[in-house]
N, C-alpha and C. Protein backbone atom coordinates (compact mmCIF):
# COMPACT_ATOMS: atom_id res chain seq x y z
N UNK A 1 -40.60 20.67 27.08
CA UNK A 1 -39.61 19.86 27.81
C UNK A 1 -38.28 19.84 27.05
N UNK A 2 -37.20 20.05 27.76
CA UNK A 2 -35.87 20.11 27.14
C UNK A 2 -35.37 18.70 26.80
N UNK A 3 -34.63 18.64 25.71
CA UNK A 3 -34.01 17.37 25.30
C UNK A 3 -32.57 17.33 25.80
N UNK A 4 -32.08 16.12 26.01
CA UNK A 4 -30.69 15.97 26.42
C UNK A 4 -29.78 16.00 25.18
N UNK A 5 -28.81 16.88 25.14
CA UNK A 5 -27.85 16.84 24.03
C UNK A 5 -26.85 15.70 24.28
N UNK A 6 -26.18 15.27 23.23
CA UNK A 6 -25.16 14.24 23.38
C UNK A 6 -23.93 14.85 24.05
N UNK A 7 -23.45 14.21 25.10
CA UNK A 7 -22.27 14.67 25.82
C UNK A 7 -21.17 13.62 25.68
N UNK A 8 -20.05 14.02 25.09
CA UNK A 8 -18.92 13.12 24.86
C UNK A 8 -17.79 13.49 25.83
N UNK A 9 -17.12 12.47 26.35
CA UNK A 9 -16.04 12.78 27.28
C UNK A 9 -14.87 11.82 27.17
N UNK A 10 -13.70 12.33 27.56
CA UNK A 10 -12.45 11.56 27.63
C UNK A 10 -11.63 12.19 28.74
N UNK A 11 -10.53 11.57 29.10
CA UNK A 11 -9.75 12.12 30.21
C UNK A 11 -8.27 11.76 30.12
N UNK A 12 -7.48 12.49 30.89
CA UNK A 12 -6.08 12.19 31.13
C UNK A 12 -5.87 12.27 32.65
N UNK A 13 -4.84 11.61 33.13
CA UNK A 13 -4.56 11.66 34.57
C UNK A 13 -3.06 11.76 34.82
N UNK A 14 -2.71 12.43 35.89
CA UNK A 14 -1.30 12.56 36.26
C UNK A 14 -1.21 12.85 37.75
N UNK A 15 -0.21 12.28 38.38
CA UNK A 15 -0.02 12.53 39.81
C UNK A 15 1.03 13.60 40.07
N UNK A 16 1.53 14.23 38.98
CA UNK A 16 2.56 15.25 39.15
C UNK A 16 2.36 16.49 38.28
N UNK A 17 1.70 16.34 37.14
CA UNK A 17 1.51 17.47 36.23
C UNK A 17 0.04 17.83 36.17
N UNK A 18 -0.32 19.00 36.70
CA UNK A 18 -1.73 19.40 36.78
C UNK A 18 -2.35 19.58 35.39
N UNK A 19 -1.55 20.07 34.44
CA UNK A 19 -2.07 20.31 33.09
C UNK A 19 -2.46 19.02 32.38
N UNK A 20 -1.97 17.89 32.87
CA UNK A 20 -2.29 16.60 32.27
C UNK A 20 -3.30 15.81 33.10
N UNK A 21 -3.89 16.49 34.06
CA UNK A 21 -4.87 15.85 34.94
C UNK A 21 -6.23 16.49 34.65
N UNK A 22 -6.83 16.09 33.53
CA UNK A 22 -7.98 16.83 32.99
C UNK A 22 -9.08 15.90 32.46
N UNK A 23 -10.23 16.52 32.18
CA UNK A 23 -11.37 15.84 31.56
C UNK A 23 -11.78 16.65 30.34
N UNK A 24 -11.88 15.99 29.19
CA UNK A 24 -12.40 16.62 27.97
C UNK A 24 -13.90 16.34 27.91
N UNK A 25 -14.69 17.39 27.81
CA UNK A 25 -16.14 17.23 27.74
C UNK A 25 -16.68 18.06 26.57
N UNK A 26 -17.41 17.42 25.67
CA UNK A 26 -17.95 18.10 24.49
C UNK A 26 -19.45 17.91 24.42
N UNK A 27 -20.18 19.02 24.35
CA UNK A 27 -21.63 18.98 24.14
C UNK A 27 -21.83 19.00 22.62
N UNK A 28 -22.16 17.87 22.07
CA UNK A 28 -22.25 17.71 20.61
C UNK A 28 -23.62 18.22 20.13
N UNK A 29 -23.68 19.54 19.91
CA UNK A 29 -24.95 20.18 19.58
C UNK A 29 -24.72 21.29 18.56
N UNK A 30 -25.01 21.05 17.28
CA UNK A 30 -24.79 22.07 16.25
C UNK A 30 -25.79 23.23 16.36
N UNK A 31 -25.36 24.37 15.84
CA UNK A 31 -26.22 25.56 15.72
C UNK A 31 -26.81 26.00 17.05
N UNK A 32 -25.95 26.11 18.05
CA UNK A 32 -26.39 26.62 19.35
C UNK A 32 -26.65 28.13 19.24
N UNK A 33 -27.75 28.56 19.78
CA UNK A 33 -28.05 30.00 19.82
C UNK A 33 -27.28 30.58 21.01
N UNK A 34 -26.22 31.33 20.68
CA UNK A 34 -25.30 31.78 21.72
C UNK A 34 -25.99 32.60 22.81
N UNK A 35 -26.94 33.41 22.40
CA UNK A 35 -27.62 34.26 23.39
C UNK A 35 -28.43 33.47 24.41
N UNK A 36 -28.74 32.22 24.05
CA UNK A 36 -29.54 31.39 24.96
C UNK A 36 -28.70 30.48 25.84
N UNK A 37 -27.39 30.49 25.62
CA UNK A 37 -26.50 29.56 26.32
C UNK A 37 -26.37 29.90 27.81
N UNK A 38 -26.60 28.91 28.63
CA UNK A 38 -26.41 29.02 30.08
C UNK A 38 -25.51 27.86 30.52
N UNK A 39 -24.34 28.22 31.02
CA UNK A 39 -23.37 27.20 31.43
C UNK A 39 -22.88 27.53 32.83
N UNK A 40 -22.87 26.53 33.67
CA UNK A 40 -22.42 26.75 35.05
C UNK A 40 -21.57 25.57 35.51
N UNK A 41 -20.39 25.89 36.01
CA UNK A 41 -19.46 24.86 36.50
C UNK A 41 -19.09 25.18 37.94
N UNK A 42 -19.27 24.22 38.80
CA UNK A 42 -18.85 24.33 40.20
C UNK A 42 -17.81 23.24 40.45
N UNK A 43 -17.17 23.24 41.60
CA UNK A 43 -16.19 22.19 41.89
C UNK A 43 -16.76 20.78 41.85
N UNK A 44 -18.06 20.66 41.99
CA UNK A 44 -18.64 19.31 42.08
C UNK A 44 -19.70 19.01 41.01
N UNK A 45 -20.09 20.00 40.22
CA UNK A 45 -21.18 19.77 39.26
C UNK A 45 -21.02 20.62 38.00
N UNK A 46 -21.80 20.25 36.98
CA UNK A 46 -21.83 20.99 35.73
C UNK A 46 -23.26 21.02 35.21
N UNK A 47 -23.64 22.16 34.63
CA UNK A 47 -24.98 22.28 34.06
C UNK A 47 -24.88 23.07 32.75
N UNK A 48 -25.80 22.75 31.83
CA UNK A 48 -25.81 23.37 30.51
C UNK A 48 -27.25 23.51 30.04
N UNK A 49 -27.52 24.64 29.37
CA UNK A 49 -28.84 24.85 28.80
C UNK A 49 -28.70 25.80 27.61
N UNK A 50 -29.37 25.47 26.48
CA UNK A 50 -29.29 26.33 25.30
C UNK A 50 -30.34 25.92 24.28
N UNK A 51 -30.66 26.86 23.41
CA UNK A 51 -31.51 26.56 22.27
C UNK A 51 -30.60 26.25 21.09
N UNK A 52 -31.03 25.36 20.22
CA UNK A 52 -30.20 24.97 19.07
C UNK A 52 -31.08 24.52 17.91
N UNK A 53 -30.48 24.58 16.72
CA UNK A 53 -31.20 24.14 15.53
C UNK A 53 -32.09 25.22 14.96
N UNK A 54 -32.60 24.95 13.77
CA UNK A 54 -33.46 25.92 13.09
C UNK A 54 -34.77 26.17 13.84
N UNK A 55 -35.18 25.18 14.62
CA UNK A 55 -36.43 25.32 15.37
C UNK A 55 -36.21 25.88 16.77
N UNK A 56 -34.95 26.14 17.14
CA UNK A 56 -34.66 26.72 18.45
C UNK A 56 -35.09 25.85 19.61
N UNK A 57 -34.94 24.55 19.44
CA UNK A 57 -35.38 23.63 20.49
C UNK A 57 -34.47 23.72 21.72
N UNK A 58 -35.07 23.60 22.90
CA UNK A 58 -34.32 23.65 24.15
C UNK A 58 -33.58 22.33 24.41
N UNK A 59 -32.34 22.47 24.84
CA UNK A 59 -31.52 21.32 25.23
C UNK A 59 -30.89 21.64 26.58
N UNK A 60 -30.82 20.63 27.44
CA UNK A 60 -30.26 20.88 28.77
C UNK A 60 -29.82 19.59 29.45
N UNK A 61 -28.87 19.73 30.36
CA UNK A 61 -28.47 18.61 31.23
C UNK A 61 -27.81 19.20 32.48
N UNK A 62 -27.73 18.38 33.50
CA UNK A 62 -27.08 18.77 34.74
C UNK A 62 -26.78 17.51 35.54
N UNK A 63 -25.57 17.41 36.05
CA UNK A 63 -25.22 16.26 36.90
C UNK A 63 -24.00 16.59 37.76
N UNK A 64 -23.85 15.82 38.81
CA UNK A 64 -22.68 15.94 39.69
C UNK A 64 -21.52 15.15 39.10
N UNK A 65 -20.34 15.71 39.22
CA UNK A 65 -19.13 15.07 38.69
C UNK A 65 -18.61 14.01 39.65
N UNK A 66 -17.87 13.06 39.11
CA UNK A 66 -17.35 11.96 39.93
C UNK A 66 -16.46 12.48 41.05
N UNK A 67 -15.62 13.47 40.72
CA UNK A 67 -14.74 14.05 41.73
C UNK A 67 -14.64 15.56 41.48
N UNK A 68 -13.99 16.25 42.38
CA UNK A 68 -13.94 17.71 42.27
C UNK A 68 -13.02 18.17 41.14
N UNK A 69 -13.39 19.36 40.60
CA UNK A 69 -12.59 20.02 39.58
C UNK A 69 -12.28 21.44 40.05
N UNK A 70 -11.41 22.11 39.30
CA UNK A 70 -11.04 23.49 39.62
C UNK A 70 -11.63 24.39 38.53
N UNK A 71 -12.78 25.04 38.78
CA UNK A 71 -13.41 25.87 37.75
C UNK A 71 -12.50 26.96 37.19
N UNK A 72 -11.69 27.57 38.06
CA UNK A 72 -10.83 28.67 37.62
C UNK A 72 -9.76 28.21 36.63
N UNK A 73 -9.41 26.95 36.66
CA UNK A 73 -8.38 26.41 35.78
C UNK A 73 -8.99 25.66 34.59
N UNK A 74 -10.28 25.68 34.47
CA UNK A 74 -10.96 24.99 33.37
C UNK A 74 -11.17 25.96 32.21
N UNK A 75 -11.29 25.41 31.01
CA UNK A 75 -11.45 26.23 29.81
C UNK A 75 -12.69 25.80 29.04
N UNK A 76 -13.22 26.73 28.24
CA UNK A 76 -14.39 26.40 27.42
C UNK A 76 -14.20 26.95 26.01
N UNK A 77 -14.82 26.28 25.05
CA UNK A 77 -14.75 26.68 23.64
C UNK A 77 -16.12 26.52 23.03
N UNK A 78 -16.56 27.56 22.33
CA UNK A 78 -17.88 27.55 21.71
C UNK A 78 -17.74 27.69 20.20
N UNK A 79 -18.38 26.78 19.44
CA UNK A 79 -18.38 26.86 17.98
C UNK A 79 -19.79 26.63 17.48
N UNK A 80 -19.96 26.70 16.16
CA UNK A 80 -21.28 26.45 15.58
C UNK A 80 -21.66 24.97 15.66
N UNK A 81 -20.68 24.13 15.91
CA UNK A 81 -20.96 22.69 15.94
C UNK A 81 -21.12 22.13 17.34
N UNK A 82 -20.49 22.79 18.32
CA UNK A 82 -20.51 22.21 19.67
C UNK A 82 -20.07 23.22 20.72
N UNK A 83 -20.20 22.77 21.95
CA UNK A 83 -19.71 23.53 23.10
C UNK A 83 -18.80 22.58 23.87
N UNK A 84 -17.55 22.97 24.05
CA UNK A 84 -16.59 22.06 24.67
C UNK A 84 -15.90 22.72 25.85
N UNK A 85 -15.56 21.90 26.83
CA UNK A 85 -14.83 22.39 28.01
C UNK A 85 -13.73 21.41 28.37
N UNK A 86 -12.68 21.94 29.00
CA UNK A 86 -11.61 21.11 29.56
C UNK A 86 -11.63 21.35 31.06
N UNK A 87 -11.98 20.34 31.80
CA UNK A 87 -12.10 20.44 33.25
C UNK A 87 -10.79 20.02 33.91
N UNK A 88 -10.28 20.85 34.81
CA UNK A 88 -9.06 20.52 35.53
C UNK A 88 -9.43 19.74 36.79
N UNK A 89 -8.99 18.52 36.87
CA UNK A 89 -9.24 17.71 38.08
C UNK A 89 -8.48 18.34 39.27
N UNK A 90 -9.13 18.34 40.39
CA UNK A 90 -8.50 18.94 41.58
C UNK A 90 -7.43 18.03 42.16
N UNK A 91 -7.72 16.77 42.26
CA UNK A 91 -6.78 15.82 42.87
C UNK A 91 -5.82 15.26 41.83
N UNK A 92 -4.52 15.41 42.10
CA UNK A 92 -3.52 14.80 41.23
C UNK A 92 -3.50 13.30 41.47
N UNK A 93 -3.78 12.56 40.44
CA UNK A 93 -3.88 11.11 40.60
C UNK A 93 -3.56 10.45 39.26
N UNK A 94 -2.77 9.42 39.29
CA UNK A 94 -2.39 8.74 38.04
C UNK A 94 -3.50 7.84 37.52
N UNK A 95 -4.49 7.58 38.36
CA UNK A 95 -5.58 6.69 37.95
C UNK A 95 -6.73 7.48 37.32
N UNK A 96 -7.38 6.85 36.35
CA UNK A 96 -8.54 7.46 35.70
C UNK A 96 -9.75 7.48 36.63
N UNK A 97 -10.64 8.44 36.35
CA UNK A 97 -11.97 8.35 36.95
C UNK A 97 -12.67 7.13 36.35
N UNK A 98 -13.38 6.38 37.13
CA UNK A 98 -14.09 5.22 36.57
C UNK A 98 -15.31 5.62 35.74
N UNK A 99 -15.80 6.83 35.93
CA UNK A 99 -16.95 7.35 35.18
C UNK A 99 -16.97 8.87 35.32
N UNK A 100 -17.81 9.52 34.54
CA UNK A 100 -17.90 10.98 34.58
C UNK A 100 -18.81 11.47 35.72
N UNK A 101 -19.88 10.78 35.94
CA UNK A 101 -20.87 11.21 36.94
C UNK A 101 -20.60 10.62 38.32
N UNK A 102 -21.06 11.35 39.33
CA UNK A 102 -20.86 10.88 40.70
C UNK A 102 -21.67 9.63 40.98
N UNK A 103 -22.93 9.68 40.57
CA UNK A 103 -23.82 8.55 40.79
C UNK A 103 -23.56 7.46 39.74
N UNK A 104 -23.54 6.25 40.20
CA UNK A 104 -23.33 5.13 39.29
C UNK A 104 -24.67 4.70 38.70
N UNK A 105 -25.14 5.54 37.79
CA UNK A 105 -26.42 5.28 37.12
C UNK A 105 -26.20 5.39 35.62
N UNK A 106 -27.06 4.74 34.87
CA UNK A 106 -26.94 4.77 33.41
C UNK A 106 -27.40 6.13 32.90
N UNK A 107 -26.52 6.79 32.15
CA UNK A 107 -26.82 8.10 31.57
C UNK A 107 -26.68 7.97 30.06
N UNK A 108 -27.76 7.69 29.35
CA UNK A 108 -27.69 7.38 27.92
C UNK A 108 -27.06 8.47 27.05
N UNK A 109 -27.21 9.72 27.44
CA UNK A 109 -26.70 10.79 26.58
C UNK A 109 -25.21 11.08 26.81
N UNK A 110 -24.61 10.45 27.82
CA UNK A 110 -23.17 10.60 28.08
C UNK A 110 -22.44 9.41 27.46
N UNK A 111 -21.51 9.73 26.55
CA UNK A 111 -20.80 8.68 25.81
C UNK A 111 -19.30 8.95 25.78
N UNK A 112 -18.55 7.92 25.53
CA UNK A 112 -17.09 8.06 25.42
C UNK A 112 -16.72 8.78 24.13
N UNK A 113 -15.79 9.73 24.24
CA UNK A 113 -15.29 10.44 23.06
C UNK A 113 -14.05 9.69 22.56
N UNK A 114 -14.25 8.80 21.61
CA UNK A 114 -13.15 7.96 21.13
C UNK A 114 -12.11 8.74 20.34
N UNK A 115 -12.47 9.94 19.90
CA UNK A 115 -11.50 10.75 19.16
C UNK A 115 -10.41 11.30 20.09
N UNK A 116 -10.68 11.32 21.39
CA UNK A 116 -9.71 11.85 22.36
C UNK A 116 -9.28 10.81 23.40
N UNK A 117 -9.96 9.72 23.44
CA UNK A 117 -9.70 8.73 24.49
C UNK A 117 -8.41 7.95 24.24
N UNK A 118 -7.69 7.66 25.32
CA UNK A 118 -6.55 6.74 25.29
C UNK A 118 -6.66 5.87 26.53
N UNK A 119 -6.05 4.70 26.47
CA UNK A 119 -6.04 3.83 27.64
C UNK A 119 -5.14 4.43 28.73
N UNK A 120 -5.46 4.10 29.95
CA UNK A 120 -4.73 4.67 31.08
C UNK A 120 -3.24 4.36 31.02
N UNK A 121 -2.88 3.16 30.58
CA UNK A 121 -1.47 2.78 30.54
C UNK A 121 -0.76 3.25 29.28
N UNK A 122 -1.47 3.97 28.42
CA UNK A 122 -0.86 4.47 27.19
C UNK A 122 -0.89 5.99 27.10
N UNK A 123 -1.37 6.67 28.13
CA UNK A 123 -1.58 8.11 28.06
C UNK A 123 -0.30 8.92 28.08
N UNK A 124 0.79 8.35 28.58
CA UNK A 124 2.04 9.11 28.64
C UNK A 124 2.52 9.52 27.26
N UNK A 125 2.30 8.66 26.27
CA UNK A 125 2.74 8.99 24.92
C UNK A 125 1.67 9.64 24.08
N UNK A 126 0.49 9.87 24.65
CA UNK A 126 -0.62 10.46 23.88
C UNK A 126 -0.45 11.97 23.77
N UNK A 127 -0.72 12.54 22.59
CA UNK A 127 -0.60 13.99 22.42
C UNK A 127 -1.71 14.72 23.15
N UNK A 128 -1.43 15.95 23.57
CA UNK A 128 -2.44 16.78 24.22
C UNK A 128 -3.36 17.36 23.15
N UNK A 129 -4.64 17.37 23.42
CA UNK A 129 -5.60 17.91 22.46
C UNK A 129 -5.55 19.42 22.51
N UNK A 130 -5.35 20.05 21.34
CA UNK A 130 -5.31 21.51 21.28
C UNK A 130 -6.69 22.10 21.50
N UNK A 131 -6.71 23.35 21.96
CA UNK A 131 -7.98 24.00 22.24
C UNK A 131 -8.84 24.12 21.00
N UNK A 132 -8.19 24.38 19.85
CA UNK A 132 -8.99 24.54 18.63
C UNK A 132 -9.63 23.23 18.19
N UNK A 133 -9.13 22.10 18.71
CA UNK A 133 -9.71 20.80 18.37
C UNK A 133 -10.86 20.42 19.28
N UNK A 134 -11.06 21.19 20.34
CA UNK A 134 -12.09 20.83 21.31
C UNK A 134 -13.48 21.00 20.77
N UNK A 135 -13.63 21.89 19.80
CA UNK A 135 -14.96 22.13 19.25
C UNK A 135 -15.35 21.17 18.17
N UNK A 136 -14.54 20.11 17.97
CA UNK A 136 -14.86 19.13 16.94
C UNK A 136 -16.12 18.37 17.28
N UNK A 137 -16.61 17.65 16.31
CA UNK A 137 -17.84 16.89 16.50
C UNK A 137 -17.64 15.72 17.46
N UNK A 138 -16.38 15.33 17.64
CA UNK A 138 -16.12 14.21 18.54
C UNK A 138 -16.65 12.93 17.95
N UNK A 139 -17.05 12.02 18.83
CA UNK A 139 -17.57 10.75 18.35
C UNK A 139 -16.44 9.86 17.89
N UNK A 140 -16.84 8.77 17.29
CA UNK A 140 -15.88 7.76 16.85
C UNK A 140 -15.10 8.31 15.67
N UNK A 141 -13.79 8.45 15.75
CA UNK A 141 -13.02 8.96 14.63
C UNK A 141 -12.97 7.94 13.52
N UNK A 142 -12.76 8.41 12.32
CA UNK A 142 -12.61 7.48 11.21
C UNK A 142 -11.45 6.56 11.49
N UNK A 143 -11.74 5.26 11.42
CA UNK A 143 -10.70 4.30 11.77
C UNK A 143 -9.59 4.29 10.74
N UNK A 144 -9.96 4.51 9.46
CA UNK A 144 -8.95 4.64 8.43
C UNK A 144 -8.19 3.38 8.12
N UNK A 145 -8.62 2.25 8.72
CA UNK A 145 -7.96 0.98 8.41
C UNK A 145 -6.69 0.81 9.23
N UNK A 146 -6.13 -0.39 9.15
CA UNK A 146 -4.90 -0.68 9.84
C UNK A 146 -3.77 0.10 9.20
N UNK A 147 -2.76 0.52 9.95
CA UNK A 147 -1.66 1.24 9.34
C UNK A 147 -0.99 0.41 8.27
N UNK A 148 -0.56 1.12 7.24
CA UNK A 148 0.02 0.42 6.11
C UNK A 148 1.16 -0.47 6.53
N UNK A 149 1.09 -1.79 6.18
CA UNK A 149 2.14 -2.71 6.56
C UNK A 149 3.39 -2.53 5.71
N UNK A 150 3.17 -1.86 4.54
CA UNK A 150 4.32 -1.63 3.68
C UNK A 150 4.64 -2.81 2.80
N UNK A 151 4.03 -3.96 3.16
CA UNK A 151 4.24 -5.14 2.33
C UNK A 151 5.68 -5.65 2.43
N UNK A 152 5.88 -6.77 1.84
CA UNK A 152 7.22 -7.30 1.76
C UNK A 152 8.04 -6.38 0.87
N UNK A 153 9.33 -6.20 1.15
CA UNK A 153 10.11 -5.33 0.28
C UNK A 153 10.06 -5.84 -1.14
N UNK A 154 9.98 -4.92 -2.08
CA UNK A 154 9.83 -5.29 -3.48
C UNK A 154 10.93 -6.21 -3.93
N UNK A 155 10.55 -7.38 -4.49
CA UNK A 155 11.54 -8.33 -4.95
C UNK A 155 12.19 -7.86 -6.25
N UNK A 156 11.46 -6.96 -6.92
CA UNK A 156 12.02 -6.44 -8.15
C UNK A 156 11.83 -7.36 -9.33
N UNK A 157 11.29 -8.55 -9.03
CA UNK A 157 11.05 -9.50 -10.11
C UNK A 157 12.37 -10.05 -10.63
N UNK A 158 12.28 -11.13 -11.39
CA UNK A 158 13.47 -11.67 -12.01
C UNK A 158 13.95 -10.68 -13.05
N UNK A 159 15.26 -10.47 -13.15
CA UNK A 159 15.71 -9.53 -14.17
C UNK A 159 15.25 -9.97 -15.54
N UNK A 160 14.90 -9.03 -16.39
CA UNK A 160 14.39 -9.34 -17.72
C UNK A 160 15.36 -10.23 -18.48
N UNK A 161 14.86 -11.39 -18.97
CA UNK A 161 15.74 -12.31 -19.69
C UNK A 161 16.07 -11.77 -21.07
N UNK A 162 15.10 -10.98 -21.56
CA UNK A 162 15.37 -10.35 -22.85
C UNK A 162 15.29 -11.30 -24.01
N UNK A 163 14.93 -12.56 -23.72
CA UNK A 163 14.83 -13.54 -24.80
C UNK A 163 16.21 -14.01 -25.22
N UNK A 164 16.26 -15.14 -25.93
CA UNK A 164 17.55 -15.61 -26.43
C UNK A 164 18.01 -14.67 -27.52
N UNK A 165 19.30 -14.39 -27.57
CA UNK A 165 19.76 -13.49 -28.63
C UNK A 165 19.46 -14.07 -30.01
N UNK A 166 19.10 -13.21 -30.92
CA UNK A 166 18.74 -13.65 -32.27
C UNK A 166 19.86 -14.46 -32.90
N UNK A 167 19.49 -15.65 -33.47
CA UNK A 167 20.49 -16.52 -34.08
C UNK A 167 21.01 -15.93 -35.38
N UNK A 168 20.10 -15.19 -36.03
CA UNK A 168 20.55 -14.50 -37.24
C UNK A 168 20.68 -15.39 -38.46
N UNK A 169 20.42 -16.67 -38.28
CA UNK A 169 20.49 -17.58 -39.43
C UNK A 169 21.94 -17.90 -39.80
N UNK A 170 22.10 -18.90 -40.65
CA UNK A 170 23.44 -19.26 -41.10
C UNK A 170 23.95 -18.17 -42.03
N UNK A 171 25.22 -17.88 -41.94
CA UNK A 171 25.73 -16.84 -42.85
C UNK A 171 25.62 -17.29 -44.30
N UNK A 172 25.32 -16.37 -45.15
CA UNK A 172 25.14 -16.70 -46.58
C UNK A 172 26.36 -17.36 -47.17
N UNK A 173 26.13 -18.45 -47.92
CA UNK A 173 27.25 -19.17 -48.53
C UNK A 173 27.87 -18.36 -49.65
N UNK A 174 27.03 -17.49 -50.20
CA UNK A 174 27.58 -16.61 -51.23
C UNK A 174 27.78 -17.28 -52.57
N UNK A 175 27.34 -18.53 -52.65
CA UNK A 175 27.50 -19.24 -53.93
C UNK A 175 28.95 -19.56 -54.21
N UNK A 176 29.22 -20.16 -55.31
CA UNK A 176 30.60 -20.55 -55.66
C UNK A 176 31.41 -19.35 -56.08
N UNK A 177 30.69 -18.30 -56.45
CA UNK A 177 31.41 -17.12 -56.88
C UNK A 177 31.99 -17.29 -58.28
N UNK A 178 32.65 -16.26 -58.77
CA UNK A 178 33.24 -16.29 -60.11
C UNK A 178 34.45 -17.21 -60.10
N UNK A 179 34.44 -18.22 -60.92
CA UNK A 179 35.53 -19.22 -60.94
C UNK A 179 36.70 -18.78 -61.79
N UNK A 180 36.76 -17.49 -62.05
CA UNK A 180 37.93 -17.01 -62.81
C UNK A 180 37.71 -17.08 -64.31
N UNK A 181 36.47 -17.11 -64.73
CA UNK A 181 36.19 -17.08 -66.17
C UNK A 181 36.37 -18.41 -66.86
N UNK A 182 36.35 -19.54 -66.15
CA UNK A 182 36.51 -20.87 -66.77
C UNK A 182 35.31 -21.15 -67.65
N UNK A 183 35.61 -21.62 -68.88
CA UNK A 183 34.54 -21.97 -69.83
C UNK A 183 34.23 -23.44 -69.63
N UNK A 184 33.14 -23.68 -68.86
CA UNK A 184 32.79 -25.05 -68.56
C UNK A 184 32.44 -25.84 -69.81
N UNK A 185 31.85 -25.17 -70.78
CA UNK A 185 31.47 -25.90 -72.01
C UNK A 185 32.71 -26.40 -72.74
N UNK A 186 33.76 -25.51 -72.83
CA UNK A 186 35.01 -25.93 -73.49
C UNK A 186 35.68 -27.04 -72.71
N UNK A 187 35.62 -26.90 -71.36
CA UNK A 187 36.23 -27.92 -70.52
C UNK A 187 35.58 -29.27 -70.76
N UNK A 188 34.25 -29.28 -70.84
CA UNK A 188 33.55 -30.54 -71.04
C UNK A 188 33.90 -31.14 -72.40
N UNK A 189 34.01 -30.24 -73.38
CA UNK A 189 34.36 -30.74 -74.73
C UNK A 189 35.74 -31.38 -74.71
N UNK A 190 36.69 -30.73 -74.05
CA UNK A 190 38.04 -31.27 -73.99
C UNK A 190 38.07 -32.60 -73.24
N UNK A 191 37.26 -32.67 -72.17
CA UNK A 191 37.22 -33.91 -71.41
C UNK A 191 36.65 -35.04 -72.26
N UNK A 192 35.62 -34.69 -73.05
CA UNK A 192 35.04 -35.71 -73.93
C UNK A 192 36.06 -36.15 -74.97
N UNK A 193 36.79 -35.17 -75.53
CA UNK A 193 37.80 -35.50 -76.54
C UNK A 193 38.89 -36.36 -75.94
N UNK A 194 39.30 -36.03 -74.73
CA UNK A 194 40.34 -36.81 -74.06
C UNK A 194 39.88 -38.24 -73.84
N UNK A 195 38.60 -38.40 -73.51
CA UNK A 195 38.08 -39.74 -73.28
C UNK A 195 38.11 -40.54 -74.57
N UNK A 196 37.81 -39.87 -75.72
CA UNK A 196 37.84 -40.56 -77.01
C UNK A 196 39.24 -41.01 -77.36
N UNK A 197 40.23 -40.18 -77.13
CA UNK A 197 41.63 -40.51 -77.43
C UNK A 197 42.08 -41.70 -76.60
N UNK A 198 41.66 -41.72 -75.34
CA UNK A 198 42.05 -42.84 -74.46
C UNK A 198 41.48 -44.14 -74.97
N UNK A 199 40.23 -44.09 -75.49
CA UNK A 199 39.61 -45.30 -76.03
C UNK A 199 40.36 -45.78 -77.26
N UNK A 200 40.77 -44.80 -78.10
CA UNK A 200 41.47 -45.17 -79.34
C UNK A 200 42.81 -45.81 -79.02
N UNK A 201 43.52 -45.26 -78.05
CA UNK A 201 44.82 -45.83 -77.65
C UNK A 201 44.64 -47.23 -77.13
N UNK A 202 43.57 -47.43 -76.35
CA UNK A 202 43.32 -48.76 -75.79
C UNK A 202 43.05 -49.76 -76.90
N UNK A 203 42.29 -49.33 -77.94
CA UNK A 203 42.00 -50.22 -79.06
C UNK A 203 43.26 -50.54 -79.81
N UNK A 204 44.10 -49.51 -79.97
CA UNK A 204 45.36 -49.70 -80.71
C UNK A 204 46.24 -50.70 -80.00
N UNK A 205 46.33 -50.61 -78.70
CA UNK A 205 47.14 -51.54 -77.92
C UNK A 205 46.60 -52.95 -78.04
N UNK A 206 45.32 -53.04 -78.11
CA UNK A 206 44.71 -54.37 -78.19
C UNK A 206 45.05 -55.03 -79.51
N UNK A 207 45.10 -54.23 -80.62
CA UNK A 207 45.38 -54.79 -81.94
C UNK A 207 46.83 -55.22 -82.05
N UNK A 208 47.75 -54.54 -81.46
CA UNK A 208 49.19 -54.84 -81.59
C UNK A 208 49.64 -55.99 -80.71
N UNK A 209 48.82 -56.39 -79.78
CA UNK A 209 49.19 -57.45 -78.84
C UNK A 209 48.55 -58.75 -79.31
N UNK A 210 49.38 -59.63 -79.98
CA UNK A 210 48.81 -60.88 -80.51
C UNK A 210 48.44 -61.83 -79.41
N UNK A 211 49.18 -61.77 -78.32
CA UNK A 211 48.90 -62.66 -77.21
C UNK A 211 49.32 -64.08 -77.56
N UNK A 212 49.06 -65.00 -76.78
CA UNK A 212 49.45 -66.40 -77.03
C UNK A 212 48.61 -66.99 -78.15
N UNK A 213 49.19 -67.85 -78.97
CA UNK A 213 48.44 -68.45 -80.08
C UNK A 213 47.38 -69.38 -79.56
N UNK A 214 46.39 -69.60 -80.34
CA UNK A 214 45.34 -70.54 -79.94
C UNK A 214 45.94 -71.91 -79.67
N UNK A 215 45.33 -72.67 -78.81
CA UNK A 215 45.87 -73.95 -78.40
C UNK A 215 45.96 -74.93 -79.55
N UNK A 216 44.98 -74.86 -80.50
CA UNK A 216 44.98 -75.83 -81.59
C UNK A 216 46.09 -75.59 -82.58
N UNK A 217 46.67 -74.39 -82.56
CA UNK A 217 47.72 -74.10 -83.53
C UNK A 217 49.10 -74.48 -83.00
N UNK A 218 49.18 -74.83 -81.76
CA UNK A 218 50.49 -75.18 -81.19
C UNK A 218 50.79 -76.63 -81.55
N UNK A 219 51.96 -76.86 -82.18
CA UNK A 219 52.36 -78.21 -82.57
C UNK A 219 52.98 -78.92 -81.38
N UNK A 220 52.53 -80.12 -81.17
CA UNK A 220 53.11 -80.87 -80.06
C UNK A 220 54.54 -81.25 -80.35
N UNK A 221 55.36 -81.29 -79.33
CA UNK A 221 56.77 -81.69 -79.48
C UNK A 221 56.86 -83.22 -79.46
N UNK A 222 57.78 -83.75 -80.35
CA UNK A 222 57.97 -85.22 -80.42
C UNK A 222 59.04 -85.57 -79.44
């Protein structure tokens, strides 16, 4: 019994540009045996069958498409990782298909290809997927986190204060310096001698000044 391979899909729509009115469909199946590949696309349906893997296991699916496509304008890409096709929608319409399959039934092996999907109201600015990218593994792309906010612009920090400038200490007093060769010892001797002379003069003055006579020696006047 054949197993269902994972089928990933995304789409674009346009009411004026046929090249933008497409369906991306990727059969996510590594190591497909090319010689066993059977692929058939009609305006209303798609079918796939192939052996894959080291054990050559059979994989297959088939279903009717939601709306008609143009097989002659559709493209296919085969790689070692997957088999991918770009289906050209027949009807030009700005609205998305609501689903890939015609029947509104749960199809577990059919999943959204988030690596190629865009919202309907944002598809005008979405880039077209190159053919060489169609053979990718598909699936949920690495989210990679929120885009860098860039942060607040660098404040640069407070400018470096550099510390208070060095005080350098009080300038050296340099001492009294050379006083011109003054002999302090001789000076002190002279000062002492001068003091002695002053004392002698004072004593001399005291001896020469008799002053008033004692009261008892004064004779009273008659």
